[in-house]
Amino acid sequence: MDTTGASSAAPTSTDTSPEGPVRPAAGSGPHPAARPDGVLPWPSLLVLGAGTLFMVTAEMLPTAVLQQMSTGLGVAESSTGLLVSAWAAVVVVLSFPLVRLTRRWDRRAVIAGGLAVLALSSALTAVAPTFQVAVGARVLGAAAVGLLWATTNAHVADLVPDRLLGRAIAVVLGGATLGMVVGTPLARLVADAAGWRAAFWALAALSLLAAGAVRLVVARAAVADGDASVGAGNAGEVAARRGTGRLLTVTGLVALVLVGHYGAYTYITRLAEAPAEALPGGMSSLLLAFGLASAVGVVLAGRLGDRSGPALVVSVAATALAVLGLTVVDAGPVVGLAVVVVWGIVSGGMPPFAQTLILRLAGPERRSFAGALIPVLFNGGIAVGAALASLVVAGPGVAALPLLAGPVVGVAAVGLAVAVRRA
């Protein structure tokens, strides 16, 4: 893919027609440096990966400082916990409208602006005198992150040729994994040392630095931000509808995977109590082991990204077996820890494989649409999975959860195998 063209930093390009490329204004930013064939644009990908690290840390930070934040704002811990679930809801609702609003802008400007808004949201949360102000600040941050995920996904796909897409996605998603494994625990350390407001101030400063790095380092994309299928005539519209049908089928099946996987993961502290008790550090050590195993899965996904379809099917099928394996974690600490680690590895590869496949099915002409679909898909799947899991726990009990979640993921694996074969 030629990565020397770009869209402009604002909707002021010389050609904004749906059929033509969006050409940059003079001096609108650095062109990507020429690279040997097969070499990733590492500076751009690492900066974008840092952005995803801060995005995930921002989303999960209230869980790391739950007690301190609740006391500081004078509300119950259950209310503070809603700051995370409400975040996901805002991402689901606002991602598509915001992508449509900014679809003609230079994606670098959108990403940098989104990180700046995330910094503002974190700063407002840090100074929030009441819970209501904190909610407003979090809504602002969630809207920014929904747009950030959508735009980052699309921009990464435009920076590299298709055969390198899997590796590029894995690099950027490595930042998101670090957000869970490293970002949230570090934020907790800052909160323990200087208070929960200091943790949000630190996040604000880092997000602002990342915004500047995006403008200075990240290369512009070569592909127009608009959907090329729009206005391309009847033949183009028919082709777009067919392609969108395949895209939505795969997306729906991935959503089903997420419902089952995150339904079980929501109650990992209950399901894996036995192996955690045998570890120094207890549940904290077990969660760290799961996070590190997920990071290994992301690394493996980068190496297998050129076969994202079959790799996704294998990863999902293995995740179904791992979730069912949670029924035997009481057999002994070694067995229990092995199940959790395997679950982390195979499920860690799912997001890169899924995102790569979705972006490939979308193609350049529907890349903005697919970019917005991904955060809606993941946040919606997490929310629905957690909600359904709570009903199972309240009814048959937590022991029944793997017996229901595992088959859900397994059915999705079969559907994906059929869909990938036909794609």
Protein backbone atom coordinates (compact mmCIF):
# COMPACT_ATOMS: atom_id res chain seq x y z
CA MET A 1 0.00 0.00 0.00
CA ASP A 2 1.25 3.45 -0.88
CA THR A 3 1.46 5.44 2.35
CA THR A 4 2.60 8.76 0.92
CA GLY A 5 -0.84 10.29 0.36
CA ALA A 6 -3.16 11.65 3.06
CA SER A 7 -6.28 13.46 4.00
CA SER A 8 -6.03 16.98 5.35
CA ALA A 9 -6.08 18.03 8.98
CA ALA A 10 -9.58 19.44 8.62
CA PRO A 11 -12.38 19.15 6.06
CA THR A 12 -10.73 21.73 3.80
CA SER A 13 -9.29 19.36 1.19
CA THR A 14 -9.29 20.21 -2.49
CA ASP A 15 -11.46 17.18 -3.33
CA THR A 16 -14.16 16.01 -0.95
CA SER A 17 -16.25 14.02 -3.43
CA PRO A 18 -17.07 10.47 -2.36
CA GLU A 19 -15.45 9.07 -5.53
CA GLY A 20 -12.14 10.92 -5.26
CA PRO A 21 -9.35 10.87 -2.74
CA VAL A 22 -9.12 13.44 0.00
CA ARG A 23 -5.95 15.38 -0.84
CA PRO A 24 -3.94 17.12 1.86
CA ALA A 25 -3.38 20.82 1.96
CA ALA A 26 0.20 21.92 1.54
CA GLY A 27 2.29 21.49 4.66
CA SER A 28 -0.38 19.50 6.47
CA GLY A 29 2.04 17.10 8.14
CA PRO A 30 4.88 14.65 7.68
CA HIS A 31 4.71 11.96 5.06
CA PRO A 32 5.56 8.44 6.14
CA ALA A 33 9.19 7.64 5.54
CA ALA A 34 10.03 5.16 2.83
CA ARG A 35 10.47 1.68 4.32
CA PRO A 36 11.92 -1.54 2.98
CA ASP A 37 9.27 -3.97 1.82
CA GLY A 38 7.75 -5.90 4.75
CA VAL A 39 8.91 -3.49 7.47
CA LEU A 40 6.28 -2.10 9.84
CA PRO A 41 6.04 1.67 10.52
CA TRP A 42 7.21 1.12 14.10
CA PRO A 43 7.25 4.75 15.32
CA SER A 44 3.63 5.28 14.24
CA LEU A 45 2.46 1.96 15.65
CA LEU A 46 4.22 2.42 18.99
CA VAL A 47 2.72 5.89 19.47
CA LEU A 48 -0.74 4.57 18.60
CA GLY A 49 -0.15 1.65 20.97
CA ALA A 50 0.68 4.12 23.75
CA GLY A 51 -2.63 5.80 23.00
CA THR A 52 -4.54 2.53 23.46
CA LEU A 53 -2.69 1.96 26.74
CA PHE A 54 -4.00 5.27 28.09
CA MET A 55 -7.48 4.62 26.67
CA VAL A 56 -7.82 1.30 28.51
CA THR A 57 -6.28 2.73 31.68
CA ALA A 58 -8.79 5.59 31.58
CA GLU A 59 -11.71 3.20 31.21
CA MET A 60 -10.67 0.92 34.07
CA LEU A 61 -9.13 3.49 36.45
CA PRO A 62 -12.24 3.84 38.68
CA THR A 63 -12.04 0.12 39.46
CA ALA A 64 -8.44 0.54 40.64
CA VAL A 65 -9.30 3.41 43.01
CA LEU A 66 -12.85 2.33 43.81
CA GLN A 67 -12.79 2.77 47.58
CA GLN A 68 -10.79 6.02 47.62
CA MET A 69 -12.85 7.58 44.86
CA SER A 70 -16.14 6.58 46.48
CA THR A 71 -15.07 8.12 49.78
CA GLY A 72 -13.81 11.28 48.10
CA LEU A 73 -17.02 11.82 46.16
CA GLY A 74 -19.28 10.76 49.03
CA VAL A 75 -21.06 7.93 47.20
CA ALA A 76 -21.38 4.17 47.55
CA GLU A 77 -18.88 1.93 45.77
CA SER A 78 -21.69 0.57 43.61
CA SER A 79 -22.29 4.08 42.28
CA THR A 80 -18.62 4.58 41.47
CA GLY A 81 -18.64 1.23 39.67
CA LEU A 82 -21.30 2.63 37.34
CA LEU A 83 -18.65 5.00 35.97
CA VAL A 84 -17.19 2.00 34.13
CA SER A 85 -20.44 0.51 32.83
CA ALA A 86 -21.73 3.93 31.78
CA TRP A 87 -18.47 4.45 29.88
CA ALA A 88 -19.17 1.34 27.78
CA ALA A 89 -22.72 2.50 27.08
CA VAL A 90 -21.51 5.89 25.84
CA VAL A 91 -18.99 4.22 23.52
CA VAL A 92 -21.73 2.03 22.03
CA VAL A 93 -24.13 4.94 21.48
CA LEU A 94 -21.77 7.64 20.21
CA SER A 95 -19.08 5.86 18.17
CA PHE A 96 -20.96 5.81 14.86
CA PRO A 97 -22.27 9.41 15.01
CA LEU A 98 -18.84 10.77 15.91
CA VAL A 99 -17.12 8.79 13.15
CA ARG A 100 -19.65 10.10 10.63
CA LEU A 101 -19.10 13.65 11.85
CA THR A 102 -15.31 13.41 11.43
CA ARG A 103 -15.11 11.07 8.43
CA ARG A 104 -13.53 13.71 6.12
CA TRP A 105 -10.86 14.82 8.58
CA ASP A 106 -7.25 13.74 8.71
CA ARG A 107 -7.31 10.79 11.07
CA ARG A 108 -4.14 11.97 12.80
CA ALA A 109 -5.93 15.16 13.79
CA VAL A 110 -8.91 13.15 15.07
CA ILE A 111 -6.68 10.83 17.14
CA ALA A 112 -4.64 13.70 18.57
CA GLY A 113 -7.80 15.67 19.34
CA GLY A 114 -9.42 12.63 20.96
CA LEU A 115 -6.43 12.12 23.24
CA ALA A 116 -6.52 15.81 24.16
CA VAL A 117 -10.21 15.47 25.08
CA LEU A 118 -9.36 12.35 27.10
CA ALA A 119 -6.75 14.43 28.95
CA LEU A 120 -9.39 17.09 29.64
CA SER A 121 -11.82 14.44 30.88
CA SER A 122 -9.21 13.01 33.25
CA ALA A 123 -8.34 16.48 34.57
CA LEU A 124 -12.01 17.30 35.15
CA THR A 125 -12.43 14.01 37.02
CA ALA A 126 -9.39 14.85 39.13
CA VAL A 127 -10.95 18.14 40.28
CA ALA A 128 -14.57 16.93 40.41
CA PRO A 129 -16.20 18.22 43.62
CA THR A 130 -19.24 15.95 43.26
CA PHE A 131 -20.19 12.61 41.76
CA GLN A 132 -22.36 14.35 39.17
CA VAL A 133 -19.40 16.33 37.84
CA ALA A 134 -17.34 13.13 37.69
CA VAL A 135 -20.10 11.46 35.66
CA GLY A 136 -20.11 14.34 33.18
CA ALA A 137 -16.33 14.19 32.86
CA ARG A 138 -16.45 10.43 32.28
CA VAL A 139 -19.11 10.79 29.58
CA LEU A 140 -16.82 13.24 27.79
CA GLY A 141 -13.91 10.81 28.05
CA ALA A 142 -15.97 7.84 26.87
CA ALA A 143 -17.15 9.75 23.80
CA ALA A 144 -13.53 10.59 22.98
CA VAL A 145 -12.38 6.99 23.44
CA GLY A 146 -15.18 5.61 21.25
CA LEU A 147 -13.99 7.89 18.44
CA LEU A 148 -10.35 7.09 19.24
CA TRP A 149 -10.83 3.33 18.93
CA ALA A 150 -12.74 3.68 15.67
CA THR A 151 -10.24 6.07 14.11
CA THR A 152 -7.14 4.24 15.35
CA ASN A 153 -8.38 0.94 13.92
CA ALA A 154 -9.03 2.50 10.52
CA HIS A 155 -5.76 4.44 10.49
CA VAL A 156 -3.63 1.41 11.31
CA ALA A 157 -5.26 -0.46 8.42
CA ASP A 158 -4.37 2.40 6.08
CA LEU A 159 -0.73 2.59 7.21
CA VAL A 160 0.28 -0.93 6.17
CA PRO A 161 -0.32 -3.32 3.27
CA ASP A 162 -2.93 -5.98 3.89
CA ARG A 163 -0.38 -8.75 4.49
CA LEU A 164 1.08 -6.77 7.44
CA LEU A 165 -2.28 -5.80 8.93
CA GLY A 166 -2.36 -8.60 11.51
CA ARG A 167 1.07 -7.71 12.86
CA ALA A 168 0.27 -4.00 12.94
CA ILE A 169 -3.01 -4.56 14.80
CA ALA A 170 -1.23 -6.79 17.32
CA VAL A 171 1.39 -4.11 18.02
CA VAL A 172 -1.22 -1.43 18.66
CA LEU A 173 -3.41 -3.74 20.75
CA GLY A 174 -0.33 -4.60 22.79
CA GLY A 175 -0.78 -1.17 24.33
CA ALA A 176 -4.33 -2.03 25.32
CA THR A 177 -3.11 -5.24 26.95
CA LEU A 178 -0.47 -3.28 28.86
CA GLY A 179 -3.24 -0.96 30.00
CA MET A 180 -4.84 -3.89 31.82
CA VAL A 181 -1.63 -5.57 33.01
CA VAL A 182 0.48 -2.50 33.84
CA GLY A 183 -1.53 0.72 33.49
CA THR A 184 -4.24 0.00 36.03
CA PRO A 185 -1.87 -1.41 38.72
CA LEU A 186 0.48 1.59 38.30
CA ALA A 187 -2.48 3.94 38.66
CA ARG A 188 -3.32 2.15 41.91
CA LEU A 189 0.24 2.68 43.15
CA VAL A 190 -0.01 6.41 42.39
CA ALA A 191 -3.36 6.55 44.18
CA ASP A 192 -1.96 4.78 47.24
CA ALA A 193 0.98 7.19 47.36
CA ALA A 194 -0.72 10.50 46.53
CA GLY A 195 -4.49 9.94 46.36
CA TRP A 196 -6.93 8.98 43.65
CA ARG A 197 -7.06 12.49 42.19
CA ALA A 198 -3.31 12.33 41.54
CA ALA A 199 -3.84 9.18 39.47
CA PHE A 200 -6.27 11.02 37.22
CA TRP A 201 -3.89 13.99 36.96
CA ALA A 202 -1.10 11.64 35.88
CA LEU A 203 -3.35 10.10 33.25
CA ALA A 204 -4.30 13.56 31.98
CA ALA A 205 -0.65 14.55 31.57
CA LEU A 206 0.28 11.31 29.78
CA SER A 207 -2.72 11.54 27.45
CA LEU A 208 -1.77 15.09 26.50
CA LEU A 209 1.80 13.99 25.76
CA ALA A 210 0.44 11.18 23.59
CA ALA A 211 -1.68 13.68 21.66
CA GLY A 212 1.42 15.69 20.83
CA ALA A 213 3.32 12.55 19.84
CA VAL A 214 0.56 11.61 17.40
CA ARG A 215 0.87 14.94 15.61
CA LEU A 216 4.67 14.74 15.50
CA VAL A 217 5.29 11.06 14.80
CA VAL A 218 2.31 9.24 13.31
CA ALA A 219 2.29 9.14 9.52
CA ARG A 220 -0.71 10.19 7.49
CA ALA A 221 -2.83 7.57 5.76
CA ALA A 222 -2.95 7.14 2.02
CA VAL A 223 -6.63 6.23 1.77
CA ALA A 224 -9.58 8.61 1.81
CA ASP A 225 -11.60 8.55 5.00
CA GLY A 226 -14.96 8.43 3.25
CA ASP A 227 -16.56 5.21 2.05
CA ALA A 228 -15.63 4.74 -1.58
CA SER A 229 -18.76 2.71 -2.21
CA VAL A 230 -20.93 5.75 -1.57
CA GLY A 231 -22.04 7.30 -4.82
CA ALA A 232 -20.25 4.70 -6.94
CA GLY A 233 -23.35 3.73 -8.85
CA ASN A 234 -25.71 0.76 -8.68
CA ALA A 235 -22.99 -1.86 -9.15
CA GLY A 236 -20.93 -0.37 -6.35
CA GLU A 237 -23.97 -0.23 -4.07
CA VAL A 238 -24.81 -3.90 -4.72
CA ALA A 239 -21.20 -4.95 -4.06
CA ALA A 240 -21.13 -2.86 -0.90
CA ARG A 241 -24.33 -4.49 0.37
CA ARG A 242 -22.94 -7.97 -0.25
CA GLY A 243 -19.67 -7.14 1.45
CA THR A 244 -21.47 -5.52 4.36
CA GLY A 245 -23.59 -8.66 4.80
CA ARG A 246 -20.50 -10.84 5.21
CA LEU A 247 -18.96 -8.24 7.49
CA LEU A 248 -22.02 -8.10 9.73
CA THR A 249 -22.27 -11.91 9.90
CA VAL A 250 -18.71 -12.23 11.17
CA THR A 251 -19.21 -9.28 13.50
CA GLY A 252 -22.34 -10.83 15.00
CA LEU A 253 -20.53 -14.10 15.65
CA VAL A 254 -17.59 -12.29 17.26
CA ALA A 255 -20.10 -10.48 19.48
CA LEU A 256 -21.45 -13.88 20.56
CA VAL A 257 -17.91 -14.95 21.43
CA LEU A 258 -17.44 -11.86 23.57
CA VAL A 259 -20.72 -12.44 25.40
CA GLY A 260 -19.60 -15.92 26.45
CA HIS A 261 -15.97 -15.09 27.16
CA TYR A 262 -16.56 -11.91 29.14
CA GLY A 263 -19.54 -13.44 30.90
CA ALA A 264 -17.15 -15.97 32.40
CA TYR A 265 -14.30 -13.49 32.90
CA THR A 266 -16.55 -11.15 34.89
CA TYR A 267 -16.60 -13.79 37.63
CA ILE A 268 -13.04 -15.07 37.33
CA THR A 269 -12.38 -14.18 40.97
CA ARG A 270 -15.18 -16.57 41.97
CA LEU A 271 -14.47 -19.28 39.42
CA ALA A 272 -10.73 -19.45 40.12
CA GLU A 273 -10.70 -19.11 43.91
CA ALA A 274 -9.11 -22.52 44.47
CA PRO A 275 -5.94 -22.06 42.36
CA ALA A 276 -5.59 -18.47 43.58
CA GLU A 277 -5.40 -19.63 47.20
CA ALA A 278 -2.32 -21.70 46.36
CA LEU A 279 -0.39 -18.75 44.91
CA PRO A 280 1.71 -16.19 46.82
CA GLY A 281 -0.30 -13.02 46.55
CA GLY A 282 -3.54 -14.92 46.03
CA MET A 283 -6.00 -13.57 43.49
CA SER A 284 -3.79 -10.62 42.54
CA SER A 285 -1.10 -13.03 41.37
CA LEU A 286 -3.61 -15.12 39.45
CA LEU A 287 -5.02 -12.06 37.68
CA LEU A 288 -1.48 -10.99 36.82
CA ALA A 289 -0.81 -14.45 35.40
CA PHE A 290 -3.94 -14.18 33.26
CA GLY A 291 -2.92 -10.73 32.04
CA LEU A 292 0.60 -11.84 31.14
CA ALA A 293 -0.81 -14.89 29.37
CA SER A 294 -3.09 -12.59 27.38
CA ALA A 295 -0.04 -10.55 26.38
CA VAL A 296 1.56 -13.74 25.08
CA GLY A 297 -1.60 -14.34 23.05
CA VAL A 298 -1.31 -10.89 21.49
CA VAL A 299 2.32 -11.56 20.53
CA LEU A 300 1.36 -14.88 18.93
CA ALA A 301 -1.46 -13.14 17.08
CA GLY A 302 1.06 -10.78 15.54
CA ARG A 303 2.98 -13.72 14.12
CA LEU A 304 -0.15 -15.41 12.74
CA GLY A 305 -1.97 -12.29 11.58
CA ASP A 306 -1.61 -13.14 7.88
CA ARG A 307 -4.10 -15.98 8.46
CA SER A 308 -6.52 -14.05 10.64
CA GLY A 309 -9.62 -16.02 9.59
CA PRO A 310 -8.48 -19.58 10.40
CA ALA A 311 -6.49 -18.30 13.38
CA LEU A 312 -9.61 -16.64 14.81
CA VAL A 313 -11.58 -19.87 14.46
CA VAL A 314 -8.88 -21.87 16.30
CA SER A 315 -8.57 -19.20 18.99
CA VAL A 316 -12.32 -19.10 19.60
CA ALA A 317 -12.63 -22.90 19.68
CA ALA A 318 -9.75 -23.10 22.16
CA THR A 319 -11.37 -20.39 24.28
CA ALA A 320 -14.58 -22.42 24.41
CA LEU A 321 -12.63 -25.43 25.70
CA ALA A 322 -10.73 -23.27 28.21
CA VAL A 323 -13.96 -21.80 29.59
CA LEU A 324 -15.38 -25.30 29.97
CA GLY A 325 -12.10 -26.21 31.68
CA LEU A 326 -13.02 -23.84 34.50
CA THR A 327 -15.26 -26.62 35.78
CA VAL A 328 -12.17 -28.62 36.84
CA VAL A 329 -10.04 -25.87 38.43
CA ASP A 330 -10.76 -27.40 41.84
CA ALA A 331 -8.90 -30.59 40.83
CA GLY A 332 -5.64 -29.09 42.08
CA PRO A 333 -3.64 -25.85 42.00
CA VAL A 334 -1.50 -26.94 39.02
CA VAL A 335 -4.54 -27.89 36.96
CA GLY A 336 -6.39 -24.74 37.95
CA LEU A 337 -3.49 -22.42 37.14
CA ALA A 338 -2.91 -24.22 33.82
CA VAL A 339 -6.53 -23.69 32.81
CA VAL A 340 -6.37 -19.98 33.65
CA VAL A 341 -3.07 -19.47 31.78
CA VAL A 342 -4.29 -21.34 28.69
CA TRP A 343 -7.51 -19.32 28.79
CA GLY A 344 -5.48 -16.12 28.90
CA ILE A 345 -3.27 -17.11 25.95
CA VAL A 346 -6.02 -18.28 23.59
CA SER A 347 -8.44 -15.47 24.46
CA GLY A 348 -5.64 -12.89 24.24
CA GLY A 349 -5.25 -13.67 20.55
CA MET A 350 -8.94 -13.20 19.79
CA PRO A 351 -9.12 -9.38 19.65
CA PRO A 352 -6.23 -8.96 17.16
CA PHE A 353 -7.52 -11.80 14.98
CA ALA A 354 -11.09 -10.48 15.08
CA GLN A 355 -10.15 -6.87 14.36
CA THR A 356 -7.83 -7.88 11.52
CA LEU A 357 -10.50 -10.05 9.91
CA ILE A 358 -13.19 -7.38 10.27
CA LEU A 359 -10.97 -4.70 8.73
CA ARG A 360 -9.99 -7.02 5.88
CA LEU A 361 -13.61 -7.88 5.13
CA ALA A 362 -14.49 -4.19 5.17
CA GLY A 363 -11.77 -3.21 2.71
CA PRO A 364 -10.68 0.41 2.19
CA GLU A 365 -14.16 1.45 1.04
CA ARG A 366 -15.83 0.56 4.37
CA ARG A 367 -12.90 1.03 6.72
CA SER A 368 -14.41 3.94 8.66
CA PHE A 369 -17.59 1.91 9.19
CA ALA A 370 -15.62 -1.11 10.37
CA GLY A 371 -13.45 1.03 12.62
CA ALA A 372 -16.57 2.29 14.40
CA LEU A 373 -18.10 -1.18 14.50
CA ILE A 374 -15.21 -2.65 16.50
CA PRO A 375 -15.53 -0.57 19.72
CA VAL A 376 -19.32 -0.94 19.62
CA LEU A 377 -18.89 -4.69 19.21
CA PHE A 378 -16.43 -5.11 22.08
CA ASN A 379 -18.11 -2.78 24.55
CA GLY A 380 -21.55 -4.18 23.75
CA GLY A 381 -20.33 -7.77 24.08
CA ILE A 382 -18.68 -7.05 27.41
CA ALA A 383 -21.78 -5.33 28.79
CA VAL A 384 -24.23 -8.01 27.61
CA GLY A 385 -21.96 -10.83 28.76
CA ALA A 386 -21.59 -9.35 32.23
CA ALA A 387 -25.33 -8.74 32.52
CA LEU A 388 -26.30 -12.27 31.46
CA ALA A 389 -23.64 -13.77 33.70
CA SER A 390 -25.07 -11.94 36.68
CA LEU A 391 -28.44 -13.57 35.99
CA VAL A 392 -26.82 -17.00 35.88
CA VAL A 393 -24.96 -16.39 39.14
CA ALA A 394 -28.16 -15.16 40.79
CA GLY A 395 -30.01 -18.27 39.55
CA PRO A 396 -28.19 -21.60 39.17
CA GLY A 397 -25.02 -20.16 40.68
CA VAL A 398 -21.49 -19.34 39.60
CA ALA A 399 -20.59 -23.02 39.09
CA ALA A 400 -23.06 -23.18 36.20
CA LEU A 401 -21.45 -20.27 34.37
CA PRO A 402 -18.73 -22.21 32.47
CA LEU A 403 -21.29 -24.83 31.42
CA LEU A 404 -23.33 -22.11 29.72
CA ALA A 405 -20.63 -19.69 28.57
CA GLY A 406 -18.42 -22.39 27.02
CA PRO A 407 -21.08 -23.72 24.61
CA VAL A 408 -22.01 -20.16 23.61
CA VAL A 409 -18.41 -19.56 22.53
CA GLY A 410 -18.33 -22.99 20.88
CA VAL A 411 -21.42 -22.27 18.77
CA ALA A 412 -19.79 -19.02 17.67
CA ALA A 413 -16.64 -20.95 16.69
CA VAL A 414 -18.67 -23.23 14.42
CA GLY A 415 -20.41 -20.24 12.84
CA LEU A 416 -17.11 -18.47 12.28
CA ALA A 417 -15.63 -21.58 10.66
CA VAL A 418 -18.48 -21.58 8.13
CA ALA A 419 -18.32 -17.82 7.59
CA VAL A 420 -14.54 -17.78 7.10
CA ARG A 421 -14.75 -20.65 4.62
CA ARG A 422 -17.31 -18.75 2.54
CA ALA A 423 -15.62 -15.33 2.81
